[in-house]
Amino acid sequence: MAKRRYLLRGALVAAVCAAAIVPTAMRAQFHRAEQDREITYWLLEPGTHQFKISHDLTIDRPGQKYAHSFVRKGSAVDPNAKMYDADTGKELKTYTVTGKEVNALGYYPQPSEPETVVVQGDLDRTPGEGQSVRVRVVETYTDPVGYTMDGQELVWKRTLGRPLNVVTLPTGWMLSSLDTPAIISMDEQGRVALRFTNPRNDELNITLRARKRSAAH
């Protein structure tokens, strides 16, 4: 009887361990489309009210000819926005169009407001059935409302909608306050980088403040 209980207990432990391991293995075998859940921000000097962003898109609609990045209301995108085929490295023809023009393509279930500014890239190759094209977007935004100065501190307010968001401060600036948990580190150029992770199906509304480093720092 004791031996039987021991075997049953061992089987239960093995089952629990397997249940814990399987999801990890499944996560390791993600489809590459899930990689576009990350976005990186680089704050430029606060006097410019500008920040640069880089994020990836996965186009898997058969026959789609264009990639799109939708500009939030209140922000202005620099006309020098770039899109690249992430698989080949080739730069795509990139320009801005309106939400009305994008809606006419019928690519997306939710229509945009007609006056929305949209960055559009001409795909070098269109995906076939079961295929995808990976596109990297690099843009610079001007946001005089969300990126400001308050005395000696820069203030950046932003809604982060992706599960992984990395925000890098301008060179020579250090974090002074933050209202949302983040992993803080230094990048290769000595700039402060903040990594925000959000596993929930919602958005993070963050406000960060930073100030110039003194000579002692």
Protein backbone atom coordinates (compact mmCIF):
# COMPACT_ATOMS: atom_id res chain seq x y z
CA MET A 1 0.00 0.00 0.00
CA ALA A 2 2.83 2.40 0.94
CA LYS A 3 4.57 1.63 -2.35
CA ARG A 4 1.35 2.31 -4.27
CA ARG A 5 0.88 5.67 -2.53
CA TYR A 6 4.48 6.54 -3.38
CA LEU A 7 3.93 5.70 -7.05
CA LEU A 8 0.68 7.71 -7.18
CA ARG A 9 2.38 10.68 -5.54
CA GLY A 10 5.25 10.44 -8.04
CA ALA A 11 2.83 10.34 -10.96
CA LEU A 12 1.01 13.41 -9.63
CA VAL A 13 4.27 15.37 -9.28
CA ALA A 14 5.26 14.38 -12.83
CA ALA A 15 1.88 15.53 -14.16
CA VAL A 16 2.15 18.90 -12.41
CA CYS A 17 5.69 19.41 -13.76
CA ALA A 18 4.56 18.52 -17.28
CA ALA A 19 1.69 21.00 -17.04
CA ALA A 20 4.15 23.72 -16.06
CA ILE A 21 6.66 22.83 -18.79
CA VAL A 22 4.27 22.54 -21.75
CA PRO A 23 3.13 26.18 -21.80
CA THR A 24 6.79 27.28 -21.69
CA ALA A 25 7.62 25.06 -24.64
CA MET A 26 4.61 26.34 -26.52
CA ARG A 27 5.64 29.94 -25.88
CA ALA A 28 9.10 29.17 -27.26
CA GLN A 29 7.53 28.07 -30.54
CA PHE A 30 5.63 31.30 -31.20
CA HIS A 31 4.74 32.37 -34.71
CA ARG A 32 6.94 35.25 -35.79
CA ALA A 33 3.86 37.50 -36.02
CA GLU A 34 3.88 37.69 -32.23
CA GLN A 35 7.20 39.53 -32.34
CA ASP A 36 5.47 42.73 -33.45
CA ARG A 37 4.24 43.11 -29.88
CA GLU A 38 7.32 45.20 -29.09
CA ILE A 39 7.93 48.90 -29.65
CA THR A 40 10.95 51.08 -28.85
CA TYR A 41 10.93 54.81 -28.13
CA TRP A 42 13.93 57.16 -28.07
CA LEU A 43 13.16 60.55 -26.54
CA LEU A 44 14.99 63.37 -28.30
CA GLU A 45 15.93 66.66 -26.64
CA PRO A 46 12.77 67.90 -24.89
CA GLY A 47 12.92 71.32 -26.52
CA THR A 48 12.02 69.62 -29.81
CA HIS A 49 8.99 67.77 -28.33
CA GLN A 50 10.13 64.87 -30.51
CA PHE A 51 10.72 61.16 -30.04
CA LYS A 52 11.76 58.44 -32.43
CA ILE A 53 10.03 55.06 -32.53
CA SER A 54 10.72 51.69 -34.12
CA HIS A 55 8.27 48.83 -34.35
CA ASP A 56 7.54 45.86 -36.57
CA LEU A 57 4.42 44.91 -38.52
CA THR A 58 3.49 41.51 -39.89
CA ILE A 59 1.44 41.55 -43.08
CA ASP A 60 -0.31 38.21 -43.62
CA ARG A 61 -3.37 39.20 -45.66
CA PRO A 62 -3.01 37.46 -49.04
CA GLY A 63 -2.46 39.97 -51.82
CA GLN A 64 -1.98 43.01 -49.54
CA LYS A 65 0.16 45.61 -51.29
CA TYR A 66 0.74 48.18 -48.54
CA ALA A 67 1.82 48.38 -44.90
CA HIS A 68 0.36 51.04 -42.61
CA SER A 69 1.31 52.83 -39.42
CA PHE A 70 -1.49 54.99 -37.99
CA VAL A 71 -0.52 58.31 -36.42
CA ARG A 72 -2.25 59.18 -33.15
CA LYS A 73 -4.34 62.31 -33.06
CA GLY A 74 -2.36 65.16 -31.49
CA SER A 75 0.98 63.92 -32.85
CA ALA A 76 2.70 64.90 -36.09
CA VAL A 77 4.87 62.42 -37.94
CA ASP A 78 8.06 63.53 -39.67
CA PRO A 79 7.77 63.18 -43.48
CA ASN A 80 11.04 61.21 -43.48
CA ALA A 81 9.41 58.13 -41.92
CA LYS A 82 10.92 54.89 -43.23
CA MET A 83 9.68 51.36 -43.74
CA TYR A 84 11.88 48.35 -44.49
CA ASP A 85 11.30 44.76 -45.49
CA ALA A 86 12.69 43.18 -42.32
CA ASP A 87 13.45 39.90 -44.09
CA THR A 88 15.55 41.44 -46.89
CA GLY A 89 16.55 44.82 -45.42
CA LYS A 90 15.25 46.64 -48.49
CA GLU A 91 13.85 50.12 -47.91
CA LEU A 92 10.26 50.48 -49.07
CA LYS A 93 8.74 53.51 -50.74
CA THR A 94 7.17 55.32 -47.80
CA TYR A 95 4.78 58.30 -47.72
CA THR A 96 1.69 59.56 -45.89
CA VAL A 97 -1.94 59.05 -46.89
CA THR A 98 -5.28 59.71 -45.21
CA GLY A 99 -7.53 57.39 -43.26
CA LYS A 100 -10.08 57.77 -46.03
CA GLU A 101 -7.62 56.36 -48.58
CA VAL A 102 -6.73 53.45 -46.32
CA ASN A 103 -10.39 52.66 -45.66
CA ALA A 104 -10.95 52.40 -49.42
CA LEU A 105 -8.45 49.52 -49.54
CA GLY A 106 -10.67 47.37 -47.31
CA TYR A 107 -7.73 45.83 -45.43
CA TYR A 108 -8.89 46.46 -41.87
CA PRO A 109 -12.16 45.55 -40.11
CA GLN A 110 -12.20 48.82 -38.15
CA PRO A 111 -12.26 51.93 -40.37
CA SER A 112 -10.13 54.94 -39.48
CA GLU A 113 -11.37 58.49 -39.22
CA PRO A 114 -11.15 59.95 -42.75
CA GLU A 115 -8.71 62.72 -41.72
CA THR A 116 -6.33 60.38 -39.85
CA VAL A 117 -2.71 60.62 -41.00
CA VAL A 118 -1.32 57.23 -41.98
CA VAL A 119 2.23 56.29 -42.95
CA GLN A 120 2.05 53.92 -45.90
CA GLY A 121 4.76 51.71 -47.38
CA ASP A 122 4.61 49.94 -50.73
CA LEU A 123 5.42 46.28 -50.18
CA ASP A 124 8.16 44.91 -52.38
CA ARG A 125 6.37 41.53 -52.38
CA THR A 126 2.82 40.61 -51.50
CA PRO A 127 2.09 37.66 -49.20
CA GLY A 128 0.43 34.57 -50.62
CA GLU A 129 -1.90 32.22 -48.80
CA GLY A 130 -0.29 31.15 -45.53
CA GLN A 131 2.64 33.57 -46.01
CA SER A 132 3.64 36.78 -44.26
CA VAL A 133 5.84 39.81 -44.88
CA ARG A 134 7.65 41.44 -41.99
CA VAL A 135 8.00 45.23 -42.06
CA ARG A 136 10.04 47.48 -39.77
CA VAL A 137 8.78 51.02 -39.25
CA VAL A 138 11.04 53.88 -38.11
CA GLU A 139 9.33 57.20 -37.43
CA THR A 140 9.88 60.49 -35.62
CA TYR A 141 6.92 62.12 -33.91
CA THR A 142 6.39 65.64 -32.60
CA ASP A 143 4.01 65.80 -29.63
CA PRO A 144 3.95 69.25 -27.95
CA VAL A 145 1.19 68.08 -25.57
CA GLY A 146 2.60 64.76 -24.39
CA TYR A 147 6.30 65.71 -24.35
CA THR A 148 7.00 68.93 -22.49
CA MET A 149 9.23 70.71 -19.99
CA ASP A 150 8.12 71.52 -16.44
CA GLY A 151 10.76 73.77 -14.95
CA GLN A 152 14.03 71.81 -15.09
CA GLU A 153 12.32 68.46 -15.73
CA LEU A 154 11.20 66.87 -18.96
CA VAL A 155 7.76 65.25 -18.77
CA TRP A 156 6.64 62.49 -21.14
CA LYS A 157 3.07 61.19 -21.05
CA ARG A 158 2.07 58.32 -23.29
CA THR A 159 -0.37 55.46 -23.54
CA LEU A 160 1.56 52.26 -24.26
CA GLY A 161 -0.54 49.67 -26.03
CA ARG A 162 1.91 46.83 -26.62
CA PRO A 163 2.99 44.09 -24.22
CA LEU A 164 6.65 45.17 -24.38
CA ASN A 165 7.66 48.83 -24.55
CA VAL A 166 11.19 50.20 -24.25
CA VAL A 167 11.70 53.92 -23.64
CA THR A 168 15.16 55.52 -23.78
CA LEU A 169 15.84 58.96 -22.29
CA PRO A 170 17.89 61.59 -24.13
CA THR A 171 21.64 61.55 -23.62
CA GLY A 172 22.61 63.19 -20.34
CA TRP A 173 19.21 62.85 -18.66
CA MET A 174 18.35 60.78 -15.58
CA LEU A 175 15.00 59.54 -14.33
CA SER A 176 13.50 61.56 -11.48
CA SER A 177 10.04 60.01 -11.15
CA LEU A 178 7.84 57.37 -12.74
CA ASP A 179 4.26 56.29 -12.00
CA THR A 180 4.43 52.82 -13.59
CA PRO A 181 6.74 49.88 -12.72
CA ALA A 182 9.60 49.37 -15.17
CA ILE A 183 12.96 47.66 -15.43
CA ILE A 184 15.60 50.40 -15.58
CA SER A 185 19.01 49.94 -17.15
CA MET A 186 21.67 51.77 -19.17
CA ASP A 187 22.15 51.20 -22.87
CA GLU A 188 25.48 50.93 -24.70
CA GLN A 189 25.65 54.72 -25.07
CA GLY A 190 25.07 55.37 -21.36
CA ARG A 191 21.46 56.45 -21.77
CA VAL A 192 18.76 55.43 -19.29
CA ALA A 193 16.40 52.81 -20.76
CA LEU A 194 13.08 51.77 -19.23
CA ARG A 195 11.40 48.48 -20.07
CA PHE A 196 7.64 48.30 -19.51
CA THR A 197 5.89 44.93 -19.66
CA ASN A 198 2.12 44.60 -19.78
CA PRO A 199 0.73 41.03 -20.04
CA ARG A 200 -2.87 42.23 -19.67
CA ASN A 201 -5.29 43.05 -22.46
CA ASP A 202 -5.29 46.79 -21.78
CA GLU A 203 -2.99 49.81 -21.99
CA LEU A 204 -0.47 51.48 -19.71
CA ASN A 205 -0.87 55.20 -19.13
CA ILE A 206 2.55 56.39 -18.04
CA THR A 207 4.04 59.67 -16.92
CA LEU A 208 7.78 59.90 -16.52
CA ARG A 209 9.94 62.80 -15.44
CA ALA A 210 13.67 63.24 -15.91
CA ARG A 211 16.28 65.89 -15.24
CA LYS A 212 19.73 66.71 -16.54
CA ARG A 213 22.57 64.89 -14.88
CA SER A 214 24.94 67.02 -12.88
CA ALA A 215 28.68 66.79 -13.49
CA ALA A 216 28.93 64.54 -10.41
CA HIS A 217 26.73 61.94 -12.09
